PDB file of N, CA and C in Angstrom:
ATOM      1  N   MET A   1      21.829 -11.955   2.150  1.00  0.00           N
ATOM      2  CA  MET A   1      21.198 -12.697   1.066  1.00  0.00           C
ATOM      3  C   MET A   1      20.337 -11.741   0.266  1.00  0.00           C
ATOM      4  N   ASP A   2      20.466 -11.775  -1.063  1.00  0.00           N
ATOM      5  CA  ASP A   2      19.697 -10.888  -1.928  1.00  0.00           C
ATOM      6  C   ASP A   2      18.223 -11.249  -1.922  1.00  0.00           C
ATOM      7  N   SER A   3      17.912 -12.493  -2.181  1.00  0.00           N
ATOM      8  CA  SER A   3      16.549 -13.015  -2.111  1.00  0.00           C
ATOM      9  C   SER A   3      16.645 -14.521  -2.288  1.00  0.00           C
ATOM     10  N   LEU A   4      15.585 -15.197  -1.928  1.00  0.00           N
ATOM     11  CA  LEU A   4      15.571 -16.646  -2.110  1.00  0.00           C
ATOM     12  C   LEU A   4      15.615 -16.965  -3.596  1.00  0.00           C
ATOM     13  N   PRO A   5      16.267 -18.053  -3.968  1.00  0.00           N
ATOM     14  CA  PRO A   5      16.280 -18.418  -5.388  1.00  0.00           C
ATOM     15  C   PRO A   5      14.879 -18.809  -5.851  1.00  0.00           C
ATOM     16  N   ALA A   6      14.620 -18.583  -7.116  1.00  0.00           N
ATOM     17  CA  ALA A   6      13.328 -18.954  -7.686  1.00  0.00           C
ATOM     18  C   ALA A   6      13.165 -20.462  -7.647  1.00  0.00           C
ATOM     19  N   LEU A   7      11.953 -20.918  -7.417  1.00  0.00           N
ATOM     20  CA  LEU A   7      11.659 -22.352  -7.369  1.00  0.00           C
ATOM     21  C   LEU A   7      11.155 -22.865  -8.716  1.00  0.00           C
ATOM     22  N   GLY A   8      11.259 -22.040  -9.731  1.00  0.00           N
ATOM     23  CA  GLY A   8      10.797 -22.410 -11.065  1.00  0.00           C
ATOM     24  C   GLY A   8      11.472 -21.535 -12.097  1.00  0.00           C
ATOM     25  N   PRO A   9      10.978 -21.572 -13.325  1.00  0.00           N
ATOM     26  CA  PRO A   9      11.607 -20.818 -14.422  1.00  0.00           C
ATOM     27  C   PRO A   9      11.168 -19.348 -14.450  1.00  0.00           C
ATOM     28  N   TYR A  10      11.486 -18.612 -13.406  1.00  0.00           N
ATOM     29  CA  TYR A  10      11.144 -17.193 -13.317  1.00  0.00           C
ATOM     30  C   TYR A  10      12.188 -16.488 -12.464  1.00  0.00           C
ATOM     31  N   ARG A  11      12.191 -15.167 -12.535  1.00  0.00           N
ATOM     32  CA  ARG A  11      13.090 -14.377 -11.695  1.00  0.00           C
ATOM     33  C   ARG A  11      12.326 -13.894 -10.466  1.00  0.00           C
ATOM     34  N   PRO A  12      12.937 -13.952  -9.285  1.00  0.00           N
ATOM     35  CA  PRO A  12      12.240 -13.499  -8.089  1.00  0.00           C
ATOM     36  C   PRO A  12      12.051 -11.983  -8.019  1.00  0.00           C
ATOM     37  N   VAL A  13      12.941 -11.219  -8.674  1.00  0.00           N
ATOM     38  CA  VAL A  13      12.852  -9.762  -8.658  1.00  0.00           C
ATOM     39  C   VAL A  13      13.143  -9.246 -10.063  1.00  0.00           C
ATOM     40  N   VAL A  14      12.257  -8.359 -10.563  1.00  0.00           N
ATOM     41  CA  VAL A  14      12.448  -7.758 -11.882  1.00  0.00           C
ATOM     42  C   VAL A  14      12.256  -6.253 -11.750  1.00  0.00           C
ATOM     43  N   ASN A  15      13.225  -5.487 -12.242  1.00  0.00           N
ATOM     44  CA  ASN A  15      13.106  -4.033 -12.330  1.00  0.00           C
ATOM     45  C   ASN A  15      12.692  -3.698 -13.750  1.00  0.00           C
ATOM     46  N   ALA A  16      11.603  -2.955 -13.901  1.00  0.00           N
ATOM     47  CA  ALA A  16      11.132  -2.590 -15.244  1.00  0.00           C
ATOM     48  C   ALA A  16      10.345  -1.291 -15.176  1.00  0.00           C
ATOM     49  N   GLY A  17      10.728  -0.332 -16.000  1.00  0.00           N
ATOM     50  CA  GLY A  17       9.963   0.898 -16.109  1.00  0.00           C
ATOM     51  C   GLY A  17       9.789   1.655 -14.813  1.00  0.00           C
ATOM     52  N   GLY A  18      10.796   1.642 -13.960  1.00  0.00           N
ATOM     53  CA  GLY A  18      10.708   2.361 -12.696  1.00  0.00           C
ATOM     54  C   GLY A  18       9.953   1.621 -11.608  1.00  0.00           C
ATOM     55  N   LEU A  19       9.576   0.380 -11.885  1.00  0.00           N
ATOM     56  CA  LEU A  19       8.879  -0.450 -10.895  1.00  0.00           C
ATOM     57  C   LEU A  19       9.705  -1.687 -10.581  1.00  0.00           C
ATOM     58  N   ILE A  20       9.506  -2.213  -9.388  1.00  0.00           N
ATOM     59  CA  ILE A  20      10.163  -3.447  -8.957  1.00  0.00           C
ATOM     60  C   ILE A  20       9.051  -4.457  -8.707  1.00  0.00           C
ATOM     61  N   PHE A  21       9.097  -5.563  -9.440  1.00  0.00           N
ATOM     62  CA  PHE A  21       8.110  -6.627  -9.305  1.00  0.00           C
ATOM     63  C   PHE A  21       8.764  -7.777  -8.549  1.00  0.00           C
ATOM     64  N   VAL A  22       8.163  -8.190  -7.442  1.00  0.00           N
ATOM     65  CA  VAL A  22       8.694  -9.282  -6.632  1.00  0.00           C
ATOM     66  C   VAL A  22       7.735 -10.456  -6.726  1.00  0.00           C
ATOM     67  N   SER A  23       8.255 -11.586  -7.192  1.00  0.00           N
ATOM     68  CA  SER A  23       7.457 -12.811  -7.273  1.00  0.00           C
ATOM     69  C   SER A  23       7.075 -13.277  -5.867  1.00  0.00           C
ATOM     70  N   ALA A  24       6.098 -14.145  -5.796  1.00  0.00           N
ATOM     71  CA  ALA A  24       5.605 -14.624  -4.507  1.00  0.00           C
ATOM     72  C   ALA A  24       6.732 -15.199  -3.662  1.00  0.00           C
ATOM     73  N   GLN A  25       6.789 -14.719  -2.437  1.00  0.00           N
ATOM     74  CA  GLN A  25       7.759 -15.188  -1.448  1.00  0.00           C
ATOM     75  C   GLN A  25       6.988 -15.960  -0.385  1.00  0.00           C
ATOM     76  N   THR A  26       7.514 -17.105  -0.024  1.00  0.00           N
ATOM     77  CA  THR A  26       6.862 -17.935   0.993  1.00  0.00           C
ATOM     78  C   THR A  26       7.604 -17.795   2.313  1.00  0.00           C
ATOM     79  N   GLY A  27       7.173 -18.553   3.287  1.00  0.00           N
ATOM     80  CA  GLY A  27       7.758 -18.499   4.619  1.00  0.00           C
ATOM     81  C   GLY A  27       8.962 -19.389   4.817  1.00  0.00           C
ATOM     82  N   ILE A  28       9.628 -19.773   3.736  1.00  0.00           N
ATOM     83  CA  ILE A  28      10.821 -20.615   3.859  1.00  0.00           C
ATOM     84  C   ILE A  28      11.936 -19.824   4.536  1.00  0.00           C
ATOM     85  N   ASP A  29      12.558 -20.422   5.531  1.00  0.00           N
ATOM     86  CA  ASP A  29      13.692 -19.808   6.213  1.00  0.00           C
ATOM     87  C   ASP A  29      14.877 -19.793   5.242  1.00  0.00           C
ATOM     88  N   PRO A  30      15.468 -18.634   4.953  1.00  0.00           N
ATOM     89  CA  PRO A  30      16.547 -18.573   3.971  1.00  0.00           C
ATOM     90  C   PRO A  30      17.830 -19.288   4.421  1.00  0.00           C
ATOM     91  N   LEU A  31      17.987 -19.533   5.705  1.00  0.00           N
ATOM     92  CA  LEU A  31      19.183 -20.233   6.193  1.00  0.00           C
ATOM     93  C   LEU A  31      19.049 -21.745   6.099  1.00  0.00           C
ATOM     94  N   THR A  32      17.852 -22.260   6.416  1.00  0.00           N
ATOM     95  CA  THR A  32      17.649 -23.711   6.416  1.00  0.00           C
ATOM     96  C   THR A  32      16.960 -24.209   5.152  1.00  0.00           C
ATOM     97  N   LEU A  33      16.341 -23.277   4.401  1.00  0.00           N
ATOM     98  CA  LEU A  33      15.523 -23.598   3.225  1.00  0.00           C
ATOM     99  C   LEU A  33      14.363 -24.528   3.567  1.00  0.00           C
ATOM    100  N   GLU A  34      13.885 -24.401   4.799  1.00  0.00           N
ATOM    101  CA  GLU A  34      12.727 -25.165   5.261  1.00  0.00           C
ATOM    102  C   GLU A  34      11.704 -24.201   5.859  1.00  0.00           C
ATOM    103  N   LEU A  35      10.465 -24.661   5.938  1.00  0.00           N
ATOM    104  CA  LEU A  35       9.438 -23.864   6.592  1.00  0.00           C
ATOM    105  C   LEU A  35       9.732 -23.808   8.080  1.00  0.00           C
ATOM    106  N   PRO A  36       9.517 -22.656   8.707  1.00  0.00           N
ATOM    107  CA  PRO A  36       9.760 -22.574  10.144  1.00  0.00           C
ATOM    108  C   PRO A  36       8.702 -23.361  10.902  1.00  0.00           C
ATOM    109  N   GLY A  37       9.084 -23.893  12.019  1.00  0.00           N
ATOM    110  CA  GLY A  37       8.091 -24.546  12.865  1.00  0.00           C
ATOM    111  C   GLY A  37       7.228 -23.480  13.510  1.00  0.00           C
ATOM    112  N   GLY A  38       6.130 -23.884  14.052  1.00  0.00           N
ATOM    113  CA  GLY A  38       5.305 -22.925  14.763  1.00  0.00           C
ATOM    114  C   GLY A  38       3.991 -22.661  14.087  1.00  0.00           C
ATOM    115  N   ASP A  39       3.363 -21.608  14.554  1.00  0.00           N
ATOM    116  CA  ASP A  39       2.019 -21.286  14.096  1.00  0.00           C
ATOM    117  C   ASP A  39       2.035 -20.542  12.757  1.00  0.00           C
ATOM    118  N   PHE A  40       0.859 -20.243  12.270  1.00  0.00           N
ATOM    119  CA  PHE A  40       0.721 -19.561  10.992  1.00  0.00           C
ATOM    120  C   PHE A  40       1.418 -18.204  11.002  1.00  0.00           C
ATOM    121  N   LYS A  41       1.292 -17.455  12.094  1.00  0.00           N
ATOM    122  CA  LYS A  41       1.909 -16.126  12.152  1.00  0.00           C
ATOM    123  C   LYS A  41       3.424 -16.207  11.974  1.00  0.00           C
ATOM    124  N   THR A  42       4.054 -17.234  12.511  1.00  0.00           N
ATOM    125  CA  THR A  42       5.503 -17.397  12.355  1.00  0.00           C
ATOM    126  C   THR A  42       5.850 -17.549  10.884  1.00  0.00           C
ATOM    127  N   GLU A  43       5.119 -18.396  10.179  1.00  0.00           N
ATOM    128  CA  GLU A  43       5.356 -18.585   8.750  1.00  0.00           C
ATOM    129  C   GLU A  43       5.034 -17.310   7.976  1.00  0.00           C
ATOM    130  N   CYS A  44       3.978 -16.627   8.353  1.00  0.00           N
ATOM    131  CA  CYS A  44       3.575 -15.396   7.680  1.00  0.00           C
ATOM    132  C   CYS A  44       4.639 -14.311   7.884  1.00  0.00           C
ATOM    133  N   ARG A  45       5.137 -14.163   9.092  1.00  0.00           N
ATOM    134  CA  ARG A  45       6.192 -13.171   9.349  1.00  0.00           C
ATOM    135  C   ARG A  45       7.431 -13.466   8.503  1.00  0.00           C
ATOM    136  N   GLN A  46       7.781 -14.743   8.366  1.00  0.00           N
ATOM    137  CA  GLN A  46       8.941 -15.104   7.555  1.00  0.00           C
ATOM    138  C   GLN A  46       8.698 -14.781   6.086  1.00  0.00           C
ATOM    139  N   ALA A  47       7.488 -15.031   5.599  1.00  0.00           N
ATOM    140  CA  ALA A  47       7.168 -14.700   4.209  1.00  0.00           C
ATOM    141  C   ALA A  47       7.299 -13.195   3.973  1.00  0.00           C
ATOM    142  N   PHE A  48       6.812 -12.398   4.903  1.00  0.00           N
ATOM    143  CA  PHE A  48       6.921 -10.948   4.778  1.00  0.00           C
ATOM    144  C   PHE A  48       8.385 -10.516   4.860  1.00  0.00           C
ATOM    145  N   ALA A  49       9.162 -11.138   5.742  1.00  0.00           N
ATOM    146  CA  ALA A  49      10.596 -10.814   5.833  1.00  0.00           C
ATOM    147  C   ALA A  49      11.299 -11.162   4.524  1.00  0.00           C
ATOM    148  N   ASN A  50      10.958 -12.303   3.938  1.00  0.00           N
ATOM    149  CA  ASN A  50      11.554 -12.692   2.659  1.00  0.00           C
ATOM    150  C   ASN A  50      11.171 -11.703   1.566  1.00  0.00           C
ATOM    151  N   LEU A  51       9.928 -11.243   1.580  1.00  0.00           N
ATOM    152  CA  LEU A  51       9.482 -10.252   0.605  1.00  0.00           C
ATOM    153  C   LEU A  51      10.295  -8.963   0.739  1.00  0.00           C
ATOM    154  N   LEU A  52      10.470  -8.502   1.968  1.00  0.00           N
ATOM    155  CA  LEU A  52      11.228  -7.264   2.175  1.00  0.00           C
ATOM    156  C   LEU A  52      12.682  -7.431   1.750  1.00  0.00           C
ATOM    157  N   THR A  53      13.258  -8.605   1.964  1.00  0.00           N
ATOM    158  CA  THR A  53      14.622  -8.874   1.495  1.00  0.00           C
ATOM    159  C   THR A  53      14.683  -8.766  -0.021  1.00  0.00           C
ATOM    160  N   ALA A  54      13.700  -9.333  -0.705  1.00  0.00           N
ATOM    161  CA  ALA A  54      13.670  -9.277  -2.171  1.00  0.00           C
ATOM    162  C   ALA A  54      13.461  -7.849  -2.662  1.00  0.00           C
ATOM    163  N   VAL A  55      12.615  -7.084  -1.983  1.00  0.00           N
ATOM    164  CA  VAL A  55      12.391  -5.681  -2.358  1.00  0.00           C
ATOM    165  C   VAL A  55      13.694  -4.898  -2.215  1.00  0.00           C
ATOM    166  N   ARG A  56      14.424  -5.137  -1.116  1.00  0.00           N
ATOM    167  CA  ARG A  56      15.716  -4.464  -0.928  1.00  0.00           C
ATOM    168  C   ARG A  56      16.712  -4.882  -2.002  1.00  0.00           C
ATOM    169  N   ALA A  57      16.673  -6.156  -2.404  1.00  0.00           N
ATOM    170  CA  ALA A  57      17.558  -6.625  -3.479  1.00  0.00           C
ATOM    171  C   ALA A  57      17.267  -5.892  -4.781  1.00  0.00           C
ATOM    172  N   GLY A  58      16.030  -5.459  -4.951  1.00  0.00           N
ATOM    173  CA  GLY A  58      15.646  -4.692  -6.131  1.00  0.00           C
ATOM    174  C   GLY A  58      15.959  -3.216  -6.013  1.00  0.00           C
ATOM    175  N   GLY A  59      16.473  -2.791  -4.859  1.00  0.00           N
ATOM    176  CA  GLY A  59      16.870  -1.402  -4.677  1.00  0.00           C
ATOM    177  C   GLY A  59      15.843  -0.520  -3.994  1.00  0.00           C
ATOM    178  N   ALA A  60      14.837  -1.107  -3.376  1.00  0.00           N
ATOM    179  CA  ALA A  60      13.778  -0.328  -2.732  1.00  0.00           C
ATOM    180  C   ALA A  60      13.668  -0.707  -1.254  1.00  0.00           C
ATOM    181  N   SER A  61      12.674  -0.145  -0.596  1.00  0.00           N
ATOM    182  CA  SER A  61      12.422  -0.449   0.812  1.00  0.00           C
ATOM    183  C   SER A  61      10.930  -0.712   0.997  1.00  0.00           C
ATOM    184  N   ALA A  62      10.561  -1.072   2.211  1.00  0.00           N
ATOM    185  CA  ALA A  62       9.148  -1.328   2.519  1.00  0.00           C
ATOM    186  C   ALA A  62       8.284  -0.110   2.184  1.00  0.00           C
ATOM    187  N   ALA A  63       8.815   1.080   2.402  1.00  0.00           N
ATOM    188  CA  ALA A  63       8.055   2.305   2.135  1.00  0.00           C
ATOM    189  C   ALA A  63       7.770   2.497   0.648  1.00  0.00           C
ATOM    190  N   ASP A  64       8.528   1.822  -0.224  1.00  0.00           N
ATOM    191  CA  ASP A  64       8.348   1.956  -1.666  1.00  0.00           C
ATOM    192  C   ASP A  64       7.327   0.975  -2.233  1.00  0.00           C
ATOM    193  N   ILE A  65       6.852   0.036  -1.407  1.00  0.00           N
ATOM    194  CA  ILE A  65       5.874  -0.945  -1.876  1.00  0.00           C
ATOM    195  C   ILE A  65       4.519  -0.259  -2.028  1.00  0.00           C
ATOM    196  N   VAL A  66       3.925  -0.407  -3.209  1.00  0.00           N
ATOM    197  CA  VAL A  66       2.630   0.228  -3.470  1.00  0.00           C
ATOM    198  C   VAL A  66       1.494  -0.773  -3.623  1.00  0.00           C
ATOM    199  N   ARG A  67       1.825  -2.030  -3.879  1.00  0.00           N
ATOM    200  CA  ARG A  67       0.781  -3.047  -4.123  1.00  0.00           C
ATOM    201  C   ARG A  67       1.286  -4.406  -3.679  1.00  0.00           C
ATOM    202  N   MET A  68       0.443  -5.161  -2.985  1.00  0.00           N
ATOM    203  CA  MET A  68       0.789  -6.513  -2.548  1.00  0.00           C
ATOM    204  C   MET A  68      -0.370  -7.465  -2.770  1.00  0.00           C
ATOM    205  N   THR A  69      -0.016  -8.722  -2.905  1.00  0.00           N
ATOM    206  CA  THR A  69      -0.985  -9.810  -2.885  1.00  0.00           C
ATOM    207  C   THR A  69      -0.565 -10.769  -1.784  1.00  0.00           C
ATOM    208  N   VAL A  70      -1.513 -11.172  -0.961  1.00  0.00           N
ATOM    209  CA  VAL A  70      -1.269 -12.163   0.087  1.00  0.00           C
ATOM    210  C   VAL A  70      -2.134 -13.375  -0.246  1.00  0.00           C
ATOM    211  N   LEU A  71      -1.481 -14.499  -0.490  1.00  0.00           N
ATOM    212  CA  LEU A  71      -2.172 -15.758  -0.749  1.00  0.00           C
ATOM    213  C   LEU A  71      -1.996 -16.640   0.481  1.00  0.00           C
ATOM    214  N   TYR A  72      -3.080 -17.195   0.987  1.00  0.00           N
ATOM    215  CA  TYR A  72      -2.973 -18.065   2.156  1.00  0.00           C
ATOM    216  C   TYR A  72      -4.009 -19.172   2.039  1.00  0.00           C
ATOM    217  N   THR A  73      -3.827 -20.218   2.822  1.00  0.00           N
ATOM    218  CA  THR A  73      -4.586 -21.444   2.587  1.00  0.00           C
ATOM    219  C   THR A  73      -5.826 -21.631   3.450  1.00  0.00           C
ATOM    220  N   ASP A  74      -5.996 -20.812   4.484  1.00  0.00           N
ATOM    221  CA  ASP A  74      -7.111 -21.045   5.402  1.00  0.00           C
ATOM    222  C   ASP A  74      -7.757 -19.713   5.777  1.00  0.00           C
ATOM    223  N   LEU A  75      -9.015 -19.536   5.438  1.00  0.00           N
ATOM    224  CA  LEU A  75      -9.724 -18.291   5.731  1.00  0.00           C
ATOM    225  C   LEU A  75      -9.701 -17.966   7.223  1.00  0.00           C
ATOM    226  N   ALA A  76      -9.570 -18.969   8.063  1.00  0.00           N
ATOM    227  CA  ALA A  76      -9.504 -18.737   9.506  1.00  0.00           C
ATOM    228  C   ALA A  76      -8.265 -17.921   9.894  1.00  0.00           C
ATOM    229  N   ASP A  77      -7.280 -17.829   9.010  1.00  0.00           N
ATOM    230  CA  ASP A  77      -6.050 -17.076   9.282  1.00  0.00           C
ATOM    231  C   ASP A  77      -6.125 -15.613   8.849  1.00  0.00           C
ATOM    232  N   PHE A  78      -7.300 -15.154   8.432  1.00  0.00           N
ATOM    233  CA  PHE A  78      -7.444 -13.780   7.942  1.00  0.00           C
ATOM    234  C   PHE A  78      -6.989 -12.747   8.973  1.00  0.00           C
ATOM    235  N   ASP A  79      -7.380 -12.918  10.232  1.00  0.00           N
ATOM    236  CA  ASP A  79      -6.972 -11.965  11.272  1.00  0.00           C
ATOM    237  C   ASP A  79      -5.455 -11.982  11.464  1.00  0.00           C
ATOM    238  N   ALA A  80      -4.853 -13.156  11.387  1.00  0.00           N
ATOM    239  CA  ALA A  80      -3.389 -13.245  11.512  1.00  0.00           C
ATOM    240  C   ALA A  80      -2.706 -12.534  10.352  1.00  0.00           C
ATOM    241  N   VAL A  81      -3.240 -12.680   9.139  1.00  0.00           N
ATOM    242  CA  VAL A  81      -2.705 -11.960   7.978  1.00  0.00           C
ATOM    243  C   VAL A  81      -2.767 -10.460   8.237  1.00  0.00           C
ATOM    244  N   ASN A  82      -3.907  -9.981   8.724  1.00  0.00           N
ATOM    245  CA  ASN A  82      -4.041  -8.551   9.018  1.00  0.00           C
ATOM    246  C   ASN A  82      -3.060  -8.103  10.093  1.00  0.00           C
ATOM    247  N   ASP A  83      -2.864  -8.925  11.121  1.00  0.00           N
ATOM    248  CA  ASP A  83      -1.920  -8.583  12.192  1.00  0.00           C
ATOM    249  C   ASP A  83      -0.499  -8.431  11.653  1.00  0.00           C
ATOM    250  N   VAL A  84      -0.050  -9.401  10.859  1.00  0.00           N
ATOM    251  CA  VAL A  84       1.312  -9.358  10.322  1.00  0.00           C
ATOM    252  C   VAL A  84       1.448  -8.210   9.326  1.00  0.00           C
ATOM    253  N   PHE A  85       0.428  -7.972   8.537  1.00  0.00           N
ATOM    254  CA  PHE A  85       0.447  -6.851   7.602  1.00  0.00           C
ATOM    255  C   PHE A  85       0.601  -5.538   8.367  1.00  0.00           C
ATOM    256  N   ALA A  86      -0.161  -5.361   9.439  1.00  0.00           N
ATOM    257  CA  ALA A  86      -0.091  -4.136  10.241  1.00  0.00           C
ATOM    258  C   ALA A  86       1.262  -4.000  10.941  1.00  0.00           C
ATOM    259  N   GLU A  87       1.841  -5.113  11.389  1.00  0.00           N
ATOM    260  CA  GLU A  87       3.181  -5.075  11.996  1.00  0.00           C
ATOM    261  C   GLU A  87       4.223  -4.630  10.972  1.00  0.00           C
ATOM    262  N   THR A  88       4.095  -5.128   9.760  1.00  0.00           N
ATOM    263  CA  THR A  88       5.077  -4.860   8.711  1.00  0.00           C
ATOM    264  C   THR A  88       4.936  -3.455   8.158  1.00  0.00           C
ATOM    265  N   PHE A  89       3.709  -2.960   8.070  1.00  0.00           N
ATOM    266  CA  PHE A  89       3.426  -1.643   7.494  1.00  0.00           C
ATOM    267  C   PHE A  89       2.598  -0.817   8.484  1.00  0.00           C
ATOM    268  N   PRO A  90       3.222  -0.333   9.564  1.00  0.00           N
ATOM    269  CA  PRO A  90       2.458   0.410  10.570  1.00  0.00           C
ATOM    270  C   PRO A  90       1.970   1.768  10.083  1.00  0.00           C
ATOM    271  N   HIS A  91       2.611   2.322   9.048  1.00  0.00           N
ATOM    272  CA  HIS A  91       2.219   3.625   8.506  1.00  0.00           C
ATOM    273  C   HIS A  91       2.143   3.522   6.988  1.00  0.00           C
ATOM    274  N   ASN A  92       1.139   4.128   6.406  1.00  0.00           N
ATOM    275  CA  ASN A  92       0.984   4.173   4.948  1.00  0.00           C
ATOM    276  C   ASN A  92       1.129   2.806   4.287  1.00  0.00           C
ATOM    277  N   PRO A  93       0.296   1.838   4.657  1.00  0.00           N
ATOM    278  CA  PRO A  93       0.415   0.507   4.048  1.00  0.00           C
ATOM    279  C   PRO A  93       0.079   0.539   2.558  1.00  0.00           C
ATOM    280  N   PRO A  94       0.641  -0.406   1.817  1.00  0.00           N
ATOM    281  CA  PRO A  94       0.328  -0.483   0.397  1.00  0.00           C
ATOM    282  C   PRO A  94      -1.083  -1.021   0.169  1.00  0.00           C
ATOM    283  N   ALA A  95      -1.565  -0.854  -1.060  1.00  0.00           N
ATOM    284  CA  ALA A  95      -2.813  -1.509  -1.456  1.00  0.00           C
ATOM    285  C   ALA A  95      -2.586  -3.018  -1.381  1.00  0.00           C
ATOM    286  N   ARG A  96      -3.660  -3.775  -1.150  1.00  0.00           N
ATOM    287  CA  ARG A  96      -3.482  -5.210  -0.951  1.00  0.00           C
ATOM    288  C   ARG A  96      -4.690  -5.992  -1.416  1.00  0.00           C
ATOM    289  N   THR A  97      -4.409  -7.163  -1.956  1.00  0.00           N
ATOM    290  CA  THR A  97      -5.430  -8.169  -2.198  1.00  0.00           C
ATOM    291  C   THR A  97      -5.042  -9.388  -1.376  1.00  0.00           C
ATOM    292  N   ALA A  98      -6.024 -10.015  -0.746  1.00  0.00           N
ATOM    293  CA  ALA A  98      -5.786 -11.252  -0.009  1.00  0.00           C
ATOM    294  C   ALA A  98      -6.753 -12.299  -0.545  1.00  0.00           C
ATOM    295  N   ALA A  99      -6.234 -13.506  -0.775  1.00  0.00           N
ATOM    296  CA  ALA A  99      -7.070 -14.565  -1.331  1.00  0.00           C
ATOM    297  C   ALA A  99      -6.688 -15.903  -0.725  1.00  0.00           C
ATOM    298  N   VAL A 100      -7.693 -16.736  -0.534  1.00  0.00           N
ATOM    299  CA  VAL A 100      -7.479 -18.086  -0.027  1.00  0.00           C
ATOM    300  C   VAL A 100      -7.283 -19.001  -1.233  1.00  0.00           C
ATOM    301  N   VAL A 101      -6.150 -19.702  -1.246  1.00  0.00           N
ATOM    302  CA  VAL A 101      -5.782 -20.577  -2.355  1.00  0.00           C
ATOM    303  C   VAL A 101      -5.082 -21.819  -1.815  1.00  0.00           C
ATOM    304  N   GLN A 102      -4.851 -22.763  -2.687  1.00  0.00           N
ATOM    305  CA  GLN A 102      -4.027 -23.921  -2.341  1.00  0.00           C
ATOM    306  C   GLN A 102      -2.598 -23.602  -2.772  1.00  0.00           C
ATOM    307  N   LEU A 103      -1.628 -23.840  -1.881  1.00  0.00           N
ATOM    308  CA  LEU A 103      -0.224 -23.591  -2.172  1.00  0.00           C
ATOM    309  C   LEU A 103       0.550 -24.907  -2.149  1.00  0.00           C
ATOM    310  N   PRO A 104       1.611 -25.012  -2.941  1.00  0.00           N
ATOM    311  CA  PRO A 104       2.360 -26.270  -3.007  1.00  0.00           C
ATOM    312  C   PRO A 104       3.278 -26.482  -1.795  1.00  0.00           C
ATOM    313  N   GLY A 105       3.645 -27.725  -1.576  1.00  0.00           N
ATOM    314  CA  GLY A 105       4.681 -28.064  -0.601  1.00  0.00           C
ATOM    315  C   GLY A 105       4.361 -27.783   0.843  1.00  0.00           C
ATOM    316  N   GLY A 106       3.093 -27.760   1.212  1.00  0.00           N
ATOM    317  CA  GLY A 106       2.721 -27.532   2.603  1.00  0.00           C
ATOM    318  C   GLY A 106       2.837 -26.083   3.042  1.00  0.00           C
ATOM    319  N   LYS A 107       3.112 -25.195   2.130  1.00  0.00           N
ATOM    320  CA  LYS A 107       3.211 -23.776   2.472  1.00  0.00           C
ATOM    321  C   LYS A 107       1.820 -23.231   2.762  1.00  0.00           C
ATOM    322  N   ARG A 108       1.753 -22.324   3.740  1.00  0.00           N
ATOM    323  CA  ARG A 108       0.461 -21.770   4.134  1.00  0.00           C
ATOM    324  C   ARG A 108       0.264 -20.330   3.714  1.00  0.00           C
ATOM    325  N   VAL A 109       1.345 -19.678   3.232  1.00  0.00           N
ATOM    326  CA  VAL A 109       1.220 -18.278   2.849  1.00  0.00           C
ATOM    327  C   VAL A 109       2.292 -17.933   1.821  1.00  0.00           C
ATOM    328  N   ALA A 110       1.939 -17.029   0.913  1.00  0.00           N
ATOM    329  CA  ALA A 110       2.880 -16.483  -0.069  1.00  0.00           C
ATOM    330  C   ALA A 110       2.483 -15.032  -0.322  1.00  0.00           C
ATOM    331  N   VAL A 111       3.470 -14.165  -0.479  1.00  0.00           N
ATOM    332  CA  VAL A 111       3.201 -12.741  -0.699  1.00  0.00           C
ATOM    333  C   VAL A 111       4.040 -12.233  -1.865  1.00  0.00           C
ATOM    334  N   ASP A 112       3.426 -11.394  -2.690  1.00  0.00           N
ATOM    335  CA  ASP A 112       4.191 -10.735  -3.761  1.00  0.00           C
ATOM    336  C   ASP A 112       3.957  -9.239  -3.657  1.00  0.00           C
ATOM    337  N   ALA A 113       4.739  -8.471  -4.438  1.00  0.00           N
ATOM    338  CA  ALA A 113       4.639  -7.023  -4.313  1.00  0.00           C
ATOM    339  C   ALA A 113       5.086  -6.324  -5.579  1.00  0.00           C
ATOM    340  N   ILE A 114       4.623  -5.084  -5.693  1.00  0.00           N
ATOM    341  CA  ILE A 114       5.114  -4.136  -6.685  1.00  0.00           C
ATOM    342  C   ILE A 114       5.578  -2.921  -5.879  1.00  0.00           C
ATOM    343  N   ALA A 115       6.800  -2.474  -6.160  1.00  0.00           N
ATOM    344  CA  ALA A 115       7.349  -1.304  -5.492  1.00  0.00           C
ATOM    345  C   ALA A 115       7.793  -0.301  -6.535  1.00  0.00           C
ATOM    346  N   VAL A 116       7.842   0.939  -6.146  1.00  0.00           N
ATOM    347  CA  VAL A 116       8.353   1.995  -7.000  1.00  0.00           C
ATOM    348  C   VAL A 116       9.848   2.109  -6.731  1.00  0.00           C
ATOM    349  N   ALA A 117      10.651   2.028  -7.784  1.00  0.00           N
ATOM    350  CA  ALA A 117      12.100   2.139  -7.635  1.00  0.00           C
ATOM    351  C   ALA A 117      12.451   3.572  -7.254  1.00  0.00           C
ATOM    352  N   PRO A 118      13.218   3.764  -6.182  1.00  0.00           N
ATOM    353  CA  PRO A 118      13.606   5.127  -5.810  1.00  0.00           C
ATOM    354  C   PRO A 118      14.432   5.789  -6.909  1.00  0.00           C
ATOM    355  N   GLN A 119      14.252   7.086  -7.052  1.00  0.00           N
ATOM    356  CA  GLN A 119      15.024   7.838  -8.041  1.00  0.00           C
ATOM    357  C   GLN A 119      16.378   8.209  -7.442  1.00  0.00           C
ATOM    358  N   PRO A 120      17.452   8.113  -8.231  1.00  0.00           N
ATOM    359  CA  PRO A 120      18.788   8.447  -7.693  1.00  0.00           C
ATOM    360  C   PRO A 120      18.913   9.917  -7.342  1.00  0.00           C
TER     361      PRO A 120
END
């Protein structure tokens, strides 16, 4: 799967000027199109996996990500966000902003990214 389809009038992945912009990816399971059962970390891991799938669809890899935003709904989940971030980027993590917000449809986390497109 290249990336999850957009849930609105936007593109999930845009290549422009040597950069890859990935719209917010949530923890929706790409096979069932539903949120996974389980704890916050399970949903967060799925959101990060969806983000990496979209980055790959844009022609890059996790190592090419230079900037991320993590939106989540409960400040109590901050440590879990850090844990999943560290699991996903064990070396040279990208710059990041994390913010507590309200998300639609019962989603608890969404992540977006900017990556540098590899040169051929």
